[in-house]
Protein backbone atom coordinates (compact mmCIF):
# COMPACT_ATOMS: atom_id res chain seq x y z
CA MET A 1 -15.89 -15.25 -25.08
CA THR A 2 -16.99 -16.87 -21.82
CA ALA A 3 -16.29 -20.08 -19.95
CA GLU A 4 -19.47 -21.51 -21.41
CA THR A 5 -18.48 -21.05 -25.07
CA PRO A 6 -18.52 -24.61 -26.52
CA GLY A 7 -15.18 -25.77 -27.85
CA ALA A 8 -13.42 -22.48 -27.21
CA ALA A 9 -9.88 -22.72 -25.87
CA ALA A 10 -9.24 -20.70 -22.74
CA PRO A 11 -7.22 -17.54 -23.47
CA TYR A 12 -3.73 -17.22 -22.02
CA ALA A 13 -4.89 -14.56 -19.54
CA ALA A 14 -7.89 -12.48 -18.53
CA ILE A 15 -7.56 -8.81 -17.56
CA ILE A 16 -10.42 -7.69 -15.33
CA ILE A 17 -11.29 -3.97 -15.36
CA PRO A 18 -14.01 -2.99 -12.85
CA ILE A 19 -16.11 -0.08 -14.14
CA HIS A 20 -18.80 2.15 -12.71
CA ALA A 21 -18.67 5.86 -13.62
CA ARG A 22 -15.40 6.84 -15.35
CA PRO A 23 -16.15 6.78 -19.07
CA GLU A 24 -13.56 9.49 -19.77
CA THR A 25 -10.55 7.36 -18.80
CA LEU A 26 -11.88 3.91 -19.68
CA GLY A 27 -10.70 3.98 -23.30
CA ALA A 28 -7.04 4.54 -22.42
CA SER A 29 -7.19 1.83 -19.75
CA VAL A 30 -8.65 -0.73 -22.15
CA ARG A 31 -6.22 0.19 -24.92
CA SER A 32 -3.29 -0.42 -22.57
CA ALA A 33 -4.71 -3.88 -21.85
CA LEU A 34 -5.18 -4.66 -25.53
CA ASP A 35 -1.69 -3.41 -26.43
CA GLN A 36 -0.01 -6.26 -24.56
CA THR A 37 2.80 -8.13 -26.31
CA VAL A 38 0.80 -11.25 -25.40
CA GLN A 39 -2.22 -10.97 -27.64
CA ASP A 40 -4.15 -14.05 -26.49
CA ILE A 41 -6.03 -12.22 -23.76
CA HIS A 42 -9.60 -11.67 -22.64
CA VAL A 43 -10.32 -8.11 -21.42
CA VAL A 44 -13.36 -8.23 -19.14
CA LEU A 45 -15.14 -4.98 -18.26
CA VAL A 46 -16.93 -5.82 -15.02
CA GLY A 47 -19.83 -3.44 -14.61
CA ASP A 48 -20.97 -2.37 -11.16
CA GLY A 49 -24.22 -0.55 -11.76
CA VAL A 50 -22.61 1.53 -14.49
CA THR A 51 -23.79 4.98 -15.48
CA PRO A 52 -25.37 5.39 -18.96
CA ALA A 53 -22.25 7.16 -20.27
CA CYS A 54 -20.00 4.40 -18.97
CA ARG A 55 -22.25 1.73 -20.48
CA ARG A 56 -22.12 3.45 -23.85
CA VAL A 57 -18.31 3.55 -23.87
CA ALA A 58 -18.09 -0.07 -22.70
CA ARG A 59 -20.39 -1.21 -25.52
CA GLU A 60 -18.32 0.71 -28.07
CA LEU A 61 -15.09 -0.87 -26.83
CA GLU A 62 -16.72 -4.29 -26.98
CA GLN A 63 -17.56 -3.73 -30.63
CA VAL A 64 -14.07 -2.54 -31.59
CA ASP A 65 -12.16 -5.64 -30.47
CA PRO A 66 -13.59 -9.18 -30.03
CA ARG A 67 -11.25 -9.76 -27.07
CA VAL A 68 -13.27 -7.24 -25.01
CA GLN A 69 -16.35 -8.37 -23.10
CA PHE A 70 -18.66 -6.16 -21.06
CA LEU A 71 -20.48 -7.79 -18.14
CA ASP A 72 -23.29 -5.39 -17.26
CA TYR A 73 -23.89 -6.39 -13.64
CA PRO A 74 -26.14 -4.43 -11.25
CA LYS A 75 -24.59 -2.46 -8.38
CA ALA A 76 -23.01 -4.59 -5.67
CA PRO A 77 -22.31 -3.40 -2.10
CA PHE A 78 -19.50 -0.90 -1.47
CA ASN A 79 -17.16 -0.75 -4.49
CA GLY A 80 -18.52 -3.79 -6.28
CA ALA A 81 -15.98 -6.41 -5.18
CA ALA A 82 -18.65 -9.13 -5.35
CA ASN A 83 -18.99 -8.48 -9.08
CA ARG A 84 -15.29 -9.19 -9.57
CA ASP A 85 -15.84 -12.52 -7.87
CA ARG A 86 -18.77 -13.25 -10.18
CA ALA A 87 -16.67 -12.41 -13.24
CA ILE A 88 -13.80 -14.68 -12.19
CA ARG A 89 -16.23 -17.56 -11.83
CA GLU A 90 -17.64 -16.97 -15.33
CA ILE A 91 -14.43 -16.54 -17.34
CA ALA A 92 -12.17 -19.38 -18.49
CA ALA A 93 -8.59 -18.08 -18.24
CA GLU A 94 -6.38 -19.47 -15.47
CA ARG A 95 -4.15 -16.39 -15.28
CA ILE A 96 -6.10 -13.46 -13.80
CA PHE A 97 -4.84 -9.88 -14.13
CA TYR A 98 -6.41 -6.55 -13.20
CA ASN A 99 -6.43 -2.97 -14.37
CA ASP A 100 -8.37 -0.05 -12.95
CA ASP A 101 -10.45 2.04 -15.31
CA ASP A 102 -8.01 4.92 -14.77
CA ASP A 103 -4.66 3.05 -14.77
CA LEU A 104 -2.29 1.96 -17.54
CA LEU A 105 -0.56 -1.37 -18.12
CA LEU A 106 2.81 -1.29 -19.85
CA PRO A 107 2.95 -3.52 -22.96
CA HIS A 108 5.05 -6.23 -21.27
CA HIS A 109 2.83 -6.58 -18.18
CA VAL A 110 1.28 -9.95 -19.09
CA GLU A 111 4.49 -11.13 -20.75
CA VAL A 112 6.46 -10.62 -17.52
CA LEU A 113 3.95 -11.82 -14.93
CA GLY A 114 2.22 -14.59 -16.88
CA PRO A 115 5.05 -17.17 -16.94
CA LEU A 116 5.69 -16.65 -13.22
CA LEU A 117 2.19 -17.96 -12.51
CA ASP A 118 3.47 -21.33 -13.72
CA GLU A 119 5.69 -21.28 -10.61
CA VAL A 120 3.63 -19.52 -7.93
CA ASP A 121 0.01 -18.74 -7.06
CA VAL A 122 0.34 -14.96 -6.85
CA VAL A 123 2.85 -12.54 -8.36
CA ASP A 124 3.16 -8.79 -8.06
CA THR A 125 5.38 -5.92 -9.17
CA PRO A 126 6.41 -2.70 -7.39
CA VAL A 127 3.81 0.03 -7.19
CA VAL A 128 4.31 2.98 -9.53
CA SER A 129 2.18 5.89 -8.31
CA VAL A 130 1.92 8.78 -10.78
CA ARG A 131 1.36 12.15 -9.12
CA PRO A 132 -0.75 14.86 -10.76
CA ASP A 133 2.42 16.97 -11.06
CA GLY A 134 4.01 14.26 -13.24
CA LEU A 135 6.46 12.92 -10.66
CA VAL A 136 6.41 9.21 -9.90
CA ASP A 137 6.62 7.44 -6.53
CA LEU A 138 8.13 3.95 -6.80
CA GLY A 139 7.58 0.98 -4.54
CA LEU A 140 10.26 -1.41 -3.34
CA HIS A 141 9.10 -4.55 -1.54
CA ASP A 142 9.17 -8.35 -1.56
CA SER A 143 5.87 -10.06 -0.81
CA ALA A 144 7.71 -13.37 -0.24
CA ASP A 145 9.49 -11.92 2.79
CA PRO A 146 7.87 -13.57 5.86
CA ASP A 147 7.61 -10.37 7.91
CA THR A 148 6.23 -8.41 4.98
CA ARG A 149 3.69 -11.12 4.27
CA ALA A 150 2.67 -11.27 7.94
CA SER A 151 2.10 -7.50 7.89
CA VAL A 152 -0.12 -7.90 4.83
CA ALA A 153 -2.04 -10.77 6.43
CA SER A 154 -2.72 -8.69 9.53
CA GLY A 155 -3.90 -5.71 7.46
CA ASP A 156 -1.05 -3.58 8.81
CA TYR A 157 0.58 -3.04 5.41
CA LYS A 158 -0.69 -2.83 1.84
CA PRO A 159 2.28 -3.27 -0.52
CA VAL A 160 0.46 -3.26 -3.86
CA PHE A 161 -2.79 -2.52 -5.62
CA ASP A 162 -4.63 -4.98 -7.83
CA THR A 163 -3.33 -3.27 -11.00
CA HIS A 164 0.15 -4.52 -10.07
CA LEU A 165 -0.84 -8.11 -9.24
CA ALA A 166 -1.86 -11.35 -10.96
CA HIS A 167 -2.98 -14.72 -9.62
CA ARG A 168 -4.18 -18.13 -10.64
CA ARG A 169 -7.92 -18.53 -11.00
CA SER A 170 -7.76 -21.97 -9.38
CA THR A 171 -6.02 -20.52 -6.32
CA TYR A 172 -8.66 -17.85 -5.99
CA LEU A 173 -11.46 -20.40 -6.13
CA ARG A 174 -9.66 -22.62 -3.61
CA LEU A 175 -9.79 -19.68 -1.17
CA ASP A 176 -13.59 -19.42 -1.65
CA GLY A 177 -13.38 -16.14 -3.55
CA PRO A 178 -11.78 -13.33 -1.50
CA TRP A 179 -13.56 -10.61 -3.47
CA ALA A 180 -16.98 -11.97 -2.52
CA ALA A 181 -16.15 -11.93 1.19
CA ALA A 182 -14.83 -8.34 1.29
CA PRO A 183 -16.60 -6.80 4.32
CA ASP A 184 -16.45 -3.11 3.38
CA ARG A 185 -14.90 -0.50 1.08
CA ARG A 186 -11.38 -1.86 1.84
CA SER A 187 -11.93 -4.72 -0.58
CA VAL A 188 -8.43 -4.69 -2.09
CA LEU A 189 -6.84 -4.94 1.35
CA HIS A 190 -9.10 -7.88 2.23
CA PHE A 191 -8.24 -9.49 -1.11
CA LEU A 192 -4.51 -9.23 -0.37
CA GLN A 193 -4.97 -10.41 3.21
CA SER A 194 -6.72 -13.56 2.03
CA PHE A 195 -3.77 -14.57 -0.14
CA ALA A 196 -1.16 -13.59 2.46
CA ALA A 197 -2.85 -15.47 5.31
CA ALA A 198 -3.14 -18.77 3.38
CA ASP A 199 -0.10 -20.94 4.21
CA ASP A 200 -0.46 -22.98 1.04
CA VAL A 201 -0.41 -19.94 -1.28
CA THR A 202 2.96 -19.14 -2.85
CA TRP A 203 3.60 -15.46 -3.60
CA MET A 204 6.53 -13.71 -5.22
CA THR A 205 7.49 -10.19 -6.31
CA THR A 206 9.38 -9.46 -9.50
CA GLN A 207 11.31 -6.18 -9.50
CA ARG A 208 10.06 -5.17 -12.93
CA ILE A 209 7.97 -2.07 -13.60
CA THR A 210 4.93 -3.15 -15.59
CA ALA A 211 2.03 -0.80 -14.72
CA LEU A 212 1.21 2.79 -13.76
CA SER A 213 -1.32 3.72 -11.06
CA PHE A 214 -3.20 7.03 -11.24
CA HIS A 215 -4.88 6.90 -7.86
CA GLY A 216 -8.46 8.09 -8.06
CA ALA A 217 -8.59 9.21 -4.44
CA ARG A 218 -5.65 11.56 -5.04
CA ARG A 219 -7.60 13.04 -7.96
CA ALA A 220 -10.99 13.19 -6.26
CA THR A 221 -11.33 16.92 -6.94
CA MET A 222 -9.91 16.80 -10.47
CA PRO A 223 -12.47 17.28 -13.29
CA ALA A 224 -13.14 14.21 -15.44
CA TRP A 225 -11.92 15.93 -18.61
CA GLU A 226 -8.59 16.73 -16.96
CA ARG A 227 -8.17 13.15 -15.81
CA ARG A 228 -8.73 11.99 -19.39
CA ILE A 229 -6.09 14.41 -20.70
CA GLU A 230 -3.60 13.29 -18.05
CA LEU A 231 -4.10 9.60 -18.78
CA GLU A 232 -3.92 10.04 -22.54
CA ARG A 233 -0.71 12.06 -22.18
CA TRP A 234 0.88 9.18 -20.30
CA GLU A 235 -0.59 6.71 -22.79
CA ARG A 236 1.31 8.51 -25.55
CA ARG A 237 4.50 8.28 -23.51
CA VAL A 238 4.00 4.54 -23.05
CA ARG A 239 3.37 4.00 -26.75
CA SER A 240 6.47 6.05 -27.54
CA GLY A 241 8.58 3.60 -25.58
CA LEU A 242 8.56 4.77 -21.94
CA SER A 243 11.14 2.48 -20.34
CA GLU A 244 11.57 0.94 -16.92
CA ARG A 245 15.05 2.45 -16.87
CA GLU A 246 13.66 5.97 -17.30
CA LEU A 247 11.11 5.45 -14.54
CA ARG A 248 13.77 4.05 -12.20
CA GLN A 249 16.14 6.95 -12.78
CA THR A 250 13.53 9.68 -12.37
CA GLY A 251 11.23 8.09 -9.78
CA GLU A 252 11.21 8.78 -6.05
CA TYR A 253 11.22 6.03 -3.41
CA PRO A 254 10.67 7.67 0.02
CA PHE A 255 6.86 7.53 0.16
CA HIS A 256 6.32 3.81 -0.49
CA LEU A 257 9.66 2.85 1.01
CA LEU A 258 8.81 4.43 4.36
CA ARG A 259 5.50 2.59 4.41
CA LEU A 260 7.43 -0.69 4.09
CA VAL A 261 10.17 0.19 6.58
CA ASN A 262 7.64 1.31 9.18
CA ALA A 263 5.69 -1.94 8.73
CA LEU A 264 8.87 -3.99 9.22
CA ARG A 265 9.81 -1.89 12.23
CA ARG A 266 6.41 -2.61 13.81
CA SER A 267 7.22 -6.30 13.26
CA GLU A 268 10.33 -5.74 15.41
CA VAL A 269 12.76 -6.08 12.53
CA SER A 270 15.98 -4.21 13.37
CA ALA A 271 17.51 -1.44 11.29
CA SER A 272 20.37 -3.69 10.17
CA GLN A 273 17.93 -6.42 9.15
CA VAL A 274 15.80 -3.93 7.21
CA ARG A 275 18.91 -2.63 5.47
CA SER A 276 20.01 -6.15 4.54
CA ARG A 277 16.61 -7.09 3.15
CA LEU A 278 16.29 -3.90 1.13
CA ASP A 279 19.78 -4.38 -0.26
CA GLY A 280 18.69 -7.83 -1.42
CA ILE A 281 15.61 -6.40 -3.14
CA VAL A 282 17.63 -3.69 -4.87
CA GLU A 283 20.03 -6.29 -6.28
CA LYS A 284 17.08 -7.78 -8.20
CA ILE A 285 16.50 -4.55 -10.14
CA GLY A 286 17.53 -5.21 -13.71
CA ASP A 287 20.01 -2.44 -14.49
CA GLU A 288 22.84 -0.85 -12.53
CA ALA A 289 21.60 2.71 -13.01
CA GLY A 290 18.24 1.70 -11.55
CA ARG A 291 19.92 -0.09 -8.66
CA GLN A 292 22.05 2.95 -7.88
CA ALA A 293 19.06 5.28 -7.94
CA ALA A 294 17.32 3.04 -5.40
CA ARG A 295 20.43 2.68 -3.21
CA ASP A 296 20.80 6.46 -3.00
CA GLN A 297 17.37 6.71 -1.38
CA LEU A 298 17.50 3.65 0.91
CA GLU A 299 19.70 4.93 3.71
CA PRO A 300 17.84 8.19 4.42
CA ALA A 301 14.52 6.33 4.52
CA ILE A 302 15.87 3.84 7.05
CA ASP A 303 17.39 6.68 9.08
CA LEU A 304 14.07 8.56 9.18
CA CYS A 305 12.25 5.51 10.54
CA PHE A 306 14.80 4.40 13.10
CA GLY A 307 16.16 7.81 14.07
CA HIS A 308 19.50 9.26 13.05
CA ASP A 309 21.34 12.35 14.24
CA GLU A 310 23.61 12.89 11.23
CA TRP A 311 21.69 14.39 8.32
CA ASP A 312 22.85 15.27 4.84
CA ASP A 313 21.23 16.49 1.64
CA ARG A 314 19.72 13.05 0.96
CA HIS A 315 17.61 13.31 4.13
CA ASP A 316 16.41 16.74 3.06
CA ASP A 317 15.51 15.33 -0.36
CA ALA A 318 13.54 12.51 1.25
CA ILE A 319 11.52 14.92 3.41
CA VAL A 320 10.72 17.24 0.49
CA SER A 321 9.61 14.24 -1.59
CA LEU A 322 7.35 13.02 1.21
CA LEU A 323 5.63 16.40 1.53
CA ALA A 324 4.03 16.17 -1.91
CA ALA A 325 3.42 12.41 -2.02
CA SER A 326 -0.10 11.26 -1.25
CA LEU A 327 -2.64 8.59 -2.18
CA ALA A 328 -5.48 10.77 -0.89
CA PRO A 329 -6.84 14.17 -1.97
CA GLY A 330 -5.19 15.88 1.00
CA PHE A 331 -1.52 16.19 1.93
CA GLN A 332 0.27 15.05 5.09
CA VAL A 333 2.71 17.94 5.51
CA ALA A 334 2.18 18.43 9.25
CA GLY A 335 2.15 14.69 9.90
CA VAL A 336 5.38 14.06 7.97
CA LEU A 337 7.24 16.93 9.59
CA ALA A 338 6.03 16.15 13.11
CA ARG A 339 7.03 12.51 12.73
CA TYR A 340 10.40 12.79 11.05
CA VAL A 341 11.79 16.29 11.66
CA ARG A 342 12.85 17.17 15.17
CA GLY A 343 15.12 19.57 17.02
CA GLN A 344 17.88 21.16 14.98
CA HIS A 345 16.62 19.54 11.78
CA VAL A 346 13.58 21.88 11.71
CA GLU A 347 15.83 24.82 10.87
CA ARG A 348 17.73 22.72 8.33
CA ILE A 349 14.52 21.85 6.47
CA ARG A 350 13.38 25.48 6.64
CA ARG A 351 16.62 26.62 4.98
CA ARG A 352 16.24 23.96 2.30
CA LEU A 353 12.71 25.11 1.53
CA LEU A 354 13.78 28.75 1.40
CA ALA A 355 16.48 27.80 -1.11
CA ASP A 356 13.69 26.51 -3.39
CA ALA A 357 11.60 29.65 -2.91
CA ASP A 358 11.82 30.76 -6.57
CA SER A 359 9.34 28.04 -7.58
CA PRO A 360 7.90 26.51 -4.41
CA ALA A 361 5.35 23.73 -4.53
CA PRO A 362 2.20 24.35 -2.44
CA THR A 363 3.44 21.76 0.03
CA ASP A 364 6.75 23.63 0.38
CA THR A 365 4.91 26.74 1.52
CA LEU A 366 2.84 24.72 3.98
CA ALA A 367 6.04 23.15 5.31
CA LEU A 368 7.64 26.58 5.76
CA PHE A 369 4.55 27.61 7.71
CA TRP A 370 4.89 24.57 9.96
CA CYS A 371 8.63 25.14 10.50
CA SER A 372 8.02 28.79 11.39
CA ALA A 373 5.32 27.80 13.87
CA ARG A 374 7.60 25.23 15.48
CA ALA A 375 10.27 27.93 15.83
CA GLY A 376 7.72 30.13 17.60
CA SER A 377 8.03 32.98 15.10
CA VAL A 378 4.75 32.99 13.21
CA ASP A 379 2.07 35.59 12.53
CA ALA A 380 -0.95 33.37 11.83
CA SER A 381 -2.94 36.13 10.10
CA GLU A 382 -0.04 37.00 7.83
CA TRP A 383 0.45 33.35 6.93
CA SER A 384 -3.27 32.97 6.29
CA THR A 385 -3.02 35.75 3.69
CA ARG A 386 0.01 34.08 2.16
CA LEU A 387 -1.85 30.77 1.95
CA ASP A 388 -4.75 32.56 0.22
CA GLU A 389 -2.29 33.32 -2.59
CA VAL A 390 -1.19 29.67 -2.72
CA VAL A 391 -4.81 28.53 -3.07
CA GLU A 392 -5.38 31.01 -5.90
CA THR A 393 -2.28 29.99 -7.85
CA CYS A 394 -1.95 26.24 -7.21
CA HIS A 395 -3.41 23.56 -9.45
CA PRO A 396 -7.19 23.35 -8.86
CA SER A 397 -6.92 19.69 -7.83
CA ASP A 398 -4.57 20.71 -5.00
CA ARG A 399 -6.76 23.44 -3.49
CA TYR A 400 -8.71 21.15 -1.20
CA GLY A 401 -5.48 19.59 0.09
CA VAL A 402 -3.86 22.98 0.71
CA MET A 403 -6.88 24.29 2.64
CA LEU A 404 -7.15 21.10 4.70
CA GLU A 405 -3.47 21.16 5.63
CA ALA A 406 -3.60 24.88 6.42
CA GLY A 407 -6.38 24.10 8.90
CA ARG A 408 -4.36 21.32 10.50
CA ILE A 409 -1.30 23.54 10.97
CA MET A 410 -3.41 26.40 12.31
CA LEU A 411 -4.74 24.01 14.96
CA ALA A 412 -1.31 22.53 15.78
CA PRO A 413 1.39 23.66 16.08
CA VAL A 414 0.06 27.24 15.68
CA GLY A 415 -2.76 26.83 18.22
CA ASP A 416 -5.29 29.20 16.61
CA PRO A 417 -8.66 27.36 16.56
CA ALA A 418 -10.49 30.30 14.97
CA LEU A 419 -8.23 30.34 11.89
CA ALA A 420 -8.19 26.54 11.93
CA ARG A 421 -11.97 26.59 11.67
CA HIS A 422 -11.82 29.18 8.87
CA TRP A 423 -9.57 26.94 6.76
CA CYS A 424 -11.46 23.80 7.72
CA ASP A 425 -14.74 25.34 6.56
CA ARG A 426 -13.16 26.35 3.26
CA ALA A 427 -11.88 22.79 2.84
CA LEU A 428 -15.33 21.42 3.64
CA ASP A 429 -16.80 23.53 0.83
CA ALA A 430 -14.29 22.00 -1.61
CA ALA A 431 -14.28 18.44 -0.24
CA PRO A 432 -15.31 15.47 -2.40
CA GLN A 433 -18.46 13.62 -1.41
CA THR A 434 -16.43 10.44 -0.98
CA SER A 435 -14.10 8.80 1.52
CA GLY A 436 -11.58 11.45 0.48
CA ALA A 437 -13.45 13.84 2.77
CA ARG A 438 -12.60 11.79 5.85
CA GLY A 439 -9.57 13.95 6.68
CA VAL A 440 -11.44 17.24 6.77
CA TRP A 441 -14.24 15.83 8.91
CA ARG A 442 -11.65 14.48 11.35
CA LEU A 443 -10.15 17.96 11.51
CA SER A 444 -13.60 19.44 12.09
CA LEU A 445 -14.05 16.99 14.96
CA GLU A 446 -10.70 17.96 16.50
CA ILE A 447 -11.50 21.67 16.27
CA ALA A 448 -14.93 21.16 17.86
CA ARG A 449 -13.43 19.24 20.75
CA SER A 450 -10.69 21.83 21.25
CA VAL A 451 -13.23 24.63 21.74
CA GLY A 452 -16.06 22.62 23.30
CA ASP A 453 -18.47 23.01 20.35
CA ARG A 454 -20.76 20.03 20.98
CA ASN A 455 -23.04 20.71 18.01
CA ARG A 456 -20.15 20.76 15.53
CA GLU A 457 -18.66 17.69 17.20
CA ASP A 458 -21.90 15.74 16.69
CA GLN A 459 -22.15 16.84 13.06
CA ALA A 460 -18.57 15.82 12.31
CA ALA A 461 -18.99 12.47 14.06
CA GLU A 462 -22.14 11.77 12.04
CA SER A 463 -20.41 12.63 8.76
CA LEU A 464 -17.54 10.27 9.63
CA ARG A 465 -20.05 7.54 10.45
CA ARG A 466 -21.72 8.02 7.08
CA LEU A 467 -18.38 7.87 5.26
CA ASP A 468 -17.47 4.65 7.06
CA ALA A 469 -20.79 3.21 5.86
CA GLY A 470 -20.02 4.17 2.26
CA GLU A 471 -22.48 7.06 2.26
CA PRO A 472 -21.86 10.73 1.34
CA PRO A 473 -21.11 12.87 4.39
CA GLY A 474 -23.80 15.41 3.64
CA GLY A 475 -21.72 18.23 2.18
CA PRO A 476 -21.04 21.70 3.57
CA GLY A 477 -24.56 21.95 4.92
CA ALA A 478 -23.68 19.28 7.46
CA ARG A 479 -21.61 21.90 9.28
């Protein structure tokens, strides 16, 4: 089923799934692509120097359904973006969709986005980021908004991931193949920038939920078998009729919403203009319950970005949601609190966290530590013992993030470089050998500079250089 097949009609759409080394989750990803209400599709598994186990699974999937094709390409630079370009040039479908090998498409994904490609060159849907704890962070944006699009074109803002986007093949080829020109590991950002920067490319966002993202970076320390179980559990929910309405009513907006509002603010869009634009986006959500759920979370997000003295429970809810939300293996507890919680609000957040003390999340405990340090009433050694208990009892995939954030807080605001180094070294021992380790090596660099440790500073700088080049940092021995 290729563009060269004589006499074969082009399928309605092609769904490209890049693959390299995740055989455990590939089956669920492919099944979600094949389960589309639009059946006239071509599912293309684009190999990027695949592992033997991944090749075996890909071949099996190819045999099960004739709509699946495995392109066994050799490894391309960085994350194999050039192979996606090669696949697009070989296939025949005009409507190009994507799915990651660890994401799920909802059954109506192609049905919703496909017809819109008769009107525009590119179409996307809001991001739906599934956390390991089962909560869902929802996006809310409009790629047709001029300021939003300018932020994407400049690389300042990344509203979506390729799983949530579709485009015309002819448009892609007219732009000389954005995947092929990706300069480094940030290939998806470059891909989006190429579309956003082209004046003759039309782009729209539909406020439908059509896909679920299970971000690999967030799960960098999660065992492969656990990732398979997680994805198959959600696959069963999708097949049992998981609805957009349910996701809208239970999802949380602050994480992705603040990314958008901050991007608009950097574009010098006023608070009232941001509010007006977001209100317009919310009105395009299909059901009133979903619209109300979004409205309830809009105002506190805008307030956090632009500054607001009057807080209520909604602002507390937004902060607590932000603490646990992440697209990376670490958390951003200290960064979130330092940016958005000031003055008298520190004590307010501390009281809110204490009220949830019966079943605190690991990030809640870290936030309490930060609040106590800001109040000047902290025994660092005692808190270090308390955090030891959190590491022992939290989900294994969260341990690296907890240790990394403990090190950050020990450095600032606590100001104890010795304990900061202790937690940083523990995080280094647990860090993934991928770009997900960038945070802990940055912390190691900060600690070294704070105490004048030139040898550690050089080692951390070298590890960061290697990560930027797409190489492993060298592991704990690099310390």
